[in-house]
Amino acid sequence: MNEAVDEIRRKDQREYKTLTSTRYLWLRNKNKLSEEQQLYVECLAASHPNVGTAYRLKEQLHAIFNNAQTDWRIAPLRAWMKQARKSNLKPIIKFVEILDKHWYGVKSYFKQLATNAFAERVNLKIQEIKRSAKGYRNLHNFSIMIYFHLGGLDFKIH
């Protein structure tokens, strides 16, 4: 979503020079901005409706995902997607299409608060093992090193 907001900002920045040097204001979450920065973003959002709409949608999506831990209903996300499509901003619509494409994973996050973070961490560790050895002669040695590093063995002497 941040990429979509930034793409819209860059497009508008070509027309309006007032958007120069504001990239990180749009990409930060509203609660991370100072009072002065929040007022500045609100003024810019009022004068530049495309970026303002994209930023508002980003903040709404952020709130929906934060509330998923206490409210597992998926209806707010569906309503947000409908609203995002109505914005007619191509990068936002493209992001909504990505959500549609990965709907099964998004739905499982809301229902079970389950992500693929553990699998991603294991894959990262395997890549680190492969990189540190600069390759293995055969697959058997590689799998042994994976088991060695990720097996959770306790090597304390009893």
C-alpha atoms as a PDB file:
ATOM      1  CA  MET A   1       0.000   0.000   0.000  1.00  0.00           C
ATOM      2  CA  ASN A   2       2.911   2.330   0.741  1.00  0.00           C
ATOM      3  CA  GLU A   3       4.181   1.752  -2.794  1.00  0.00           C
ATOM      4  CA  ALA A   4       0.795   2.756  -4.199  1.00  0.00           C
ATOM      5  CA  VAL A   5       0.713   5.931  -2.092  1.00  0.00           C
ATOM      6  CA  ASP A   6       4.255   6.788  -3.154  1.00  0.00           C
ATOM      7  CA  GLU A   7       3.471   6.189  -6.825  1.00  0.00           C
ATOM      8  CA  ILE A   8       0.511   8.571  -6.619  1.00  0.00           C
ATOM      9  CA  ARG A   9       2.636  11.147  -4.774  1.00  0.00           C
ATOM     10  CA  ARG A  10       5.378  10.974  -7.420  1.00  0.00           C
ATOM     11  CA  LYS A  11       2.842  11.442 -10.209  1.00  0.00           C
ATOM     12  CA  ASP A  12       1.302  14.458  -8.489  1.00  0.00           C
ATOM     13  CA  GLN A  13       4.716  15.844  -7.583  1.00  0.00           C
ATOM     14  CA  ARG A  14       5.506  16.306 -11.267  1.00  0.00           C
ATOM     15  CA  GLU A  15       2.608  18.777 -11.448  1.00  0.00           C
ATOM     16  CA  TYR A  16       2.779  20.352  -7.991  1.00  0.00           C
ATOM     17  CA  LYS A  17       6.141  21.321  -6.538  1.00  0.00           C
ATOM     18  CA  THR A  18       4.611  21.677  -3.051  1.00  0.00           C
ATOM     19  CA  LEU A  19       4.855  17.890  -2.717  1.00  0.00           C
ATOM     20  CA  THR A  20       8.650  17.826  -2.970  1.00  0.00           C
ATOM     21  CA  SER A  21      10.403  16.583   0.169  1.00  0.00           C
ATOM     22  CA  THR A  22       7.198  15.104   1.584  1.00  0.00           C
ATOM     23  CA  ARG A  23       7.731  11.441   0.718  1.00  0.00           C
ATOM     24  CA  TYR A  24       8.357  10.179   4.244  1.00  0.00           C
ATOM     25  CA  LEU A  25       5.408  12.108   5.638  1.00  0.00           C
ATOM     26  CA  TRP A  26       3.068  10.124   3.398  1.00  0.00           C
ATOM     27  CA  LEU A  27       4.754   6.791   4.074  1.00  0.00           C
ATOM     28  CA  ARG A  28       4.762   7.049   7.871  1.00  0.00           C
ATOM     29  CA  ASN A  29       1.751   6.051   9.884  1.00  0.00           C
ATOM     30  CA  LYS A  30      -0.213   8.961  11.276  1.00  0.00           C
ATOM     31  CA  ASN A  31       0.479   8.004  14.905  1.00  0.00           C
ATOM     32  CA  LYS A  32       4.228   8.236  14.229  1.00  0.00           C
ATOM     33  CA  LEU A  33       4.018  11.841  13.012  1.00  0.00           C
ATOM     34  CA  SER A  34       4.389  14.849  15.285  1.00  0.00           C
ATOM     35  CA  GLU A  35       1.444  17.227  15.717  1.00  0.00           C
ATOM     36  CA  GLU A  36       3.062  19.707  13.344  1.00  0.00           C
ATOM     37  CA  GLN A  37       3.663  17.024  10.707  1.00  0.00           C
ATOM     38  CA  GLN A  38       0.074  15.783  11.035  1.00  0.00           C
ATOM     39  CA  LEU A  39      -1.258  19.285  10.401  1.00  0.00           C
ATOM     40  CA  TYR A  40       1.065  19.679   7.418  1.00  0.00           C
ATOM     41  CA  VAL A  41      -0.094  16.358   5.939  1.00  0.00           C
ATOM     42  CA  GLU A  42      -3.739  17.336   6.448  1.00  0.00           C
ATOM     43  CA  CYS A  43      -3.164  20.645   4.644  1.00  0.00           C
ATOM     44  CA  LEU A  44      -1.385  18.887   1.784  1.00  0.00           C
ATOM     45  CA  ALA A  45      -4.108  16.228   1.611  1.00  0.00           C
ATOM     46  CA  ALA A  46      -6.767  18.929   1.315  1.00  0.00           C
ATOM     47  CA  SER A  47      -4.941  20.687  -1.506  1.00  0.00           C
ATOM     48  CA  HIS A  48      -3.901  17.488  -3.348  1.00  0.00           C
ATOM     49  CA  PRO A  49      -6.926  15.171  -3.380  1.00  0.00           C
ATOM     50  CA  ASN A  50      -5.291  12.169  -5.067  1.00  0.00           C
ATOM     51  CA  VAL A  51      -2.491  11.837  -2.537  1.00  0.00           C
ATOM     52  CA  GLY A  52      -4.878  12.748   0.262  1.00  0.00           C
ATOM     53  CA  THR A  53      -7.291   9.982  -0.722  1.00  0.00           C
ATOM     54  CA  ALA A  54      -4.477   7.460  -1.026  1.00  0.00           C
ATOM     55  CA  TYR A  55      -3.112   8.429   2.403  1.00  0.00           C
ATOM     56  CA  ARG A  56      -6.569   8.227   3.990  1.00  0.00           C
ATOM     57  CA  LEU A  57      -7.097   4.758   2.492  1.00  0.00           C
ATOM     58  CA  LYS A  58      -3.678   3.658   3.735  1.00  0.00           C
ATOM     59  CA  GLU A  59      -4.477   4.793   7.271  1.00  0.00           C
ATOM     60  CA  GLN A  60      -7.873   3.068   7.179  1.00  0.00           C
ATOM     61  CA  LEU A  61      -6.261  -0.176   6.031  1.00  0.00           C
ATOM     62  CA  HIS A  62      -3.675   0.119   8.798  1.00  0.00           C
ATOM     63  CA  ALA A  63      -6.472   0.490  11.366  1.00  0.00           C
ATOM     64  CA  ILE A  64      -8.354  -2.508   9.964  1.00  0.00           C
ATOM     65  CA  PHE A  65      -5.311  -4.770  10.238  1.00  0.00           C
ATOM     66  CA  ASN A  66      -4.529  -3.489  13.743  1.00  0.00           C
ATOM     67  CA  ASN A  67      -8.113  -4.226  14.828  1.00  0.00           C
ATOM     68  CA  ALA A  68      -7.919  -7.762  13.432  1.00  0.00           C
ATOM     69  CA  GLN A  69      -6.525  -8.985  16.755  1.00  0.00           C
ATOM     70  CA  THR A  70      -9.646  -7.927  18.643  1.00  0.00           C
ATOM     71  CA  ASP A  71     -12.227  -8.023  15.850  1.00  0.00           C
ATOM     72  CA  TRP A  72     -11.791 -11.005  13.549  1.00  0.00           C
ATOM     73  CA  ARG A  73     -14.621  -9.958  11.209  1.00  0.00           C
ATOM     74  CA  ILE A  74     -13.531  -9.530   7.625  1.00  0.00           C
ATOM     75  CA  ALA A  75     -16.442  -7.239   6.667  1.00  0.00           C
ATOM     76  CA  PRO A  76     -14.492  -4.011   7.367  1.00  0.00           C
ATOM     77  CA  LEU A  77     -11.798  -5.121   4.926  1.00  0.00           C
ATOM     78  CA  ARG A  78     -14.417  -5.912   2.286  1.00  0.00           C
ATOM     79  CA  ALA A  79     -15.955  -2.457   2.778  1.00  0.00           C
ATOM     80  CA  TRP A  80     -12.495  -0.870   2.541  1.00  0.00           C
ATOM     81  CA  MET A  81     -11.786  -2.718  -0.714  1.00  0.00           C
ATOM     82  CA  LYS A  82     -15.071  -1.462  -2.160  1.00  0.00           C
ATOM     83  CA  GLN A  83     -14.207   2.104  -1.135  1.00  0.00           C
ATOM     84  CA  ALA A  84     -10.676   1.754  -2.552  1.00  0.00           C
ATOM     85  CA  ARG A  85     -12.034   0.626  -5.912  1.00  0.00           C
ATOM     86  CA  LYS A  86     -14.298   3.683  -6.025  1.00  0.00           C
ATOM     87  CA  SER A  87     -11.269   5.968  -5.617  1.00  0.00           C
ATOM     88  CA  ASN A  88     -10.342   5.318  -9.282  1.00  0.00           C
ATOM     89  CA  LEU A  89      -6.635   5.574  -8.425  1.00  0.00           C
ATOM     90  CA  LYS A  90      -4.859   2.937 -10.511  1.00  0.00           C
ATOM     91  CA  PRO A  91      -2.116   2.024  -7.987  1.00  0.00           C
ATOM     92  CA  ILE A  92      -4.749   1.582  -5.259  1.00  0.00           C
ATOM     93  CA  ILE A  93      -6.914  -0.566  -7.513  1.00  0.00           C
ATOM     94  CA  LYS A  94      -3.851  -2.634  -8.385  1.00  0.00           C
ATOM     95  CA  PHE A  95      -3.227  -3.172  -4.646  1.00  0.00           C
ATOM     96  CA  VAL A  96      -6.854  -4.269  -4.142  1.00  0.00           C
ATOM     97  CA  GLU A  97      -6.423  -6.769  -6.978  1.00  0.00           C
ATOM     98  CA  ILE A  98      -3.376  -8.169  -5.182  1.00  0.00           C
ATOM     99  CA  LEU A  99      -5.493  -8.564  -2.034  1.00  0.00           C
ATOM    100  CA  ASP A 100      -8.112 -10.399  -4.124  1.00  0.00           C
ATOM    101  CA  LYS A 101      -5.451 -12.647  -5.588  1.00  0.00           C
ATOM    102  CA  HIS A 102      -4.188 -13.606  -2.119  1.00  0.00           C
ATOM    103  CA  TRP A 103      -7.605 -13.629  -0.467  1.00  0.00           C
ATOM    104  CA  TYR A 104      -7.161 -17.055   1.128  1.00  0.00           C
ATOM    105  CA  GLY A 105      -4.118 -15.912   3.104  1.00  0.00           C
ATOM    106  CA  VAL A 106      -5.735 -12.605   4.047  1.00  0.00           C
ATOM    107  CA  LYS A 107      -8.849 -14.402   5.258  1.00  0.00           C
ATOM    108  CA  SER A 108      -6.819 -16.862   7.314  1.00  0.00           C
ATOM    109  CA  TYR A 109      -5.006 -13.946   8.957  1.00  0.00           C
ATOM    110  CA  PHE A 110      -8.322 -12.493  10.103  1.00  0.00           C
ATOM    111  CA  LYS A 111      -9.781 -15.813  11.200  1.00  0.00           C
ATOM    112  CA  GLN A 112      -6.735 -17.266  12.978  1.00  0.00           C
ATOM    113  CA  LEU A 113      -4.244 -14.391  13.120  1.00  0.00           C
ATOM    114  CA  ALA A 114      -1.902 -16.750  11.302  1.00  0.00           C
ATOM    115  CA  THR A 115       0.839 -15.533   8.988  1.00  0.00           C
ATOM    116  CA  ASN A 116       3.611 -17.251   7.104  1.00  0.00           C
ATOM    117  CA  ALA A 117       6.268 -15.444   9.171  1.00  0.00           C
ATOM    118  CA  PHE A 118       7.663 -18.666  10.630  1.00  0.00           C
ATOM    119  CA  ALA A 119       8.059 -20.258   7.196  1.00  0.00           C
ATOM    120  CA  GLU A 120       9.729 -17.102   5.892  1.00  0.00           C
ATOM    121  CA  ARG A 121      12.162 -17.146   8.831  1.00  0.00           C
ATOM    122  CA  VAL A 122      13.054 -20.805   8.171  1.00  0.00           C
ATOM    123  CA  ASN A 123      13.619 -20.033   4.479  1.00  0.00           C
ATOM    124  CA  LEU A 124      15.846 -17.091   5.411  1.00  0.00           C
ATOM    125  CA  LYS A 125      17.892 -19.275   7.754  1.00  0.00           C
ATOM    126  CA  ILE A 126      18.313 -21.919   5.021  1.00  0.00           C
ATOM    127  CA  GLN A 127      19.551 -19.235   2.625  1.00  0.00           C
ATOM    128  CA  GLU A 128      22.028 -18.045   5.270  1.00  0.00           C
ATOM    129  CA  ILE A 129      23.305 -21.616   5.697  1.00  0.00           C
ATOM    130  CA  LYS A 130      23.755 -21.954   1.935  1.00  0.00           C
ATOM    131  CA  ARG A 131      25.515 -18.583   1.687  1.00  0.00           C
ATOM    132  CA  SER A 132      27.876 -19.172   4.602  1.00  0.00           C
ATOM    133  CA  ALA A 133      29.195 -22.406   3.078  1.00  0.00           C
ATOM    134  CA  LYS A 134      29.325 -20.937  -0.431  1.00  0.00           C
ATOM    135  CA  GLY A 135      27.629 -24.062  -1.704  1.00  0.00           C
ATOM    136  CA  TYR A 136      27.597 -27.762  -0.866  1.00  0.00           C
ATOM    137  CA  ARG A 137      28.981 -30.678  -2.854  1.00  0.00           C
ATOM    138  CA  ASN A 138      25.737 -32.613  -2.662  1.00  0.00           C
ATOM    139  CA  LEU A 139      22.180 -32.288  -1.453  1.00  0.00           C
ATOM    140  CA  HIS A 140      22.716 -34.742   1.418  1.00  0.00           C
ATOM    141  CA  ASN A 141      25.371 -32.539   3.066  1.00  0.00           C
ATOM    142  CA  PHE A 142      23.159 -29.497   2.596  1.00  0.00           C
ATOM    143  CA  SER A 143      20.170 -31.186   4.269  1.00  0.00           C
ATOM    144  CA  ILE A 144      22.391 -32.349   7.161  1.00  0.00           C
ATOM    145  CA  MET A 145      23.485 -28.753   7.775  1.00  0.00           C
ATOM    146  CA  ILE A 146      19.853 -27.603   7.712  1.00  0.00           C
ATOM    147  CA  TYR A 147      18.947 -30.225  10.312  1.00  0.00           C
ATOM    148  CA  PHE A 148      22.018 -29.284  12.338  1.00  0.00           C
ATOM    149  CA  HIS A 149      21.184 -25.571  12.448  1.00  0.00           C
ATOM    150  CA  LEU A 150      17.391 -25.772  12.609  1.00  0.00           C
ATOM    151  CA  GLY A 151      16.924 -29.055  14.451  1.00  0.00           C
ATOM    152  CA  GLY A 152      16.826 -27.477  17.885  1.00  0.00           C
ATOM    153  CA  LEU A 153      19.238 -30.057  19.298  1.00  0.00           C
ATOM    154  CA  ASP A 154      20.697 -29.527  22.747  1.00  0.00           C
ATOM    155  CA  PHE A 155      24.428 -30.289  22.681  1.00  0.00           C
ATOM    156  CA  LYS A 156      25.036 -29.929  26.411  1.00  0.00           C
ATOM    157  CA  ILE A 157      26.980 -32.833  27.852  1.00  0.00           C
ATOM    158  CA  HIS A 158      25.038 -34.661  30.517  1.00  0.00           C
END
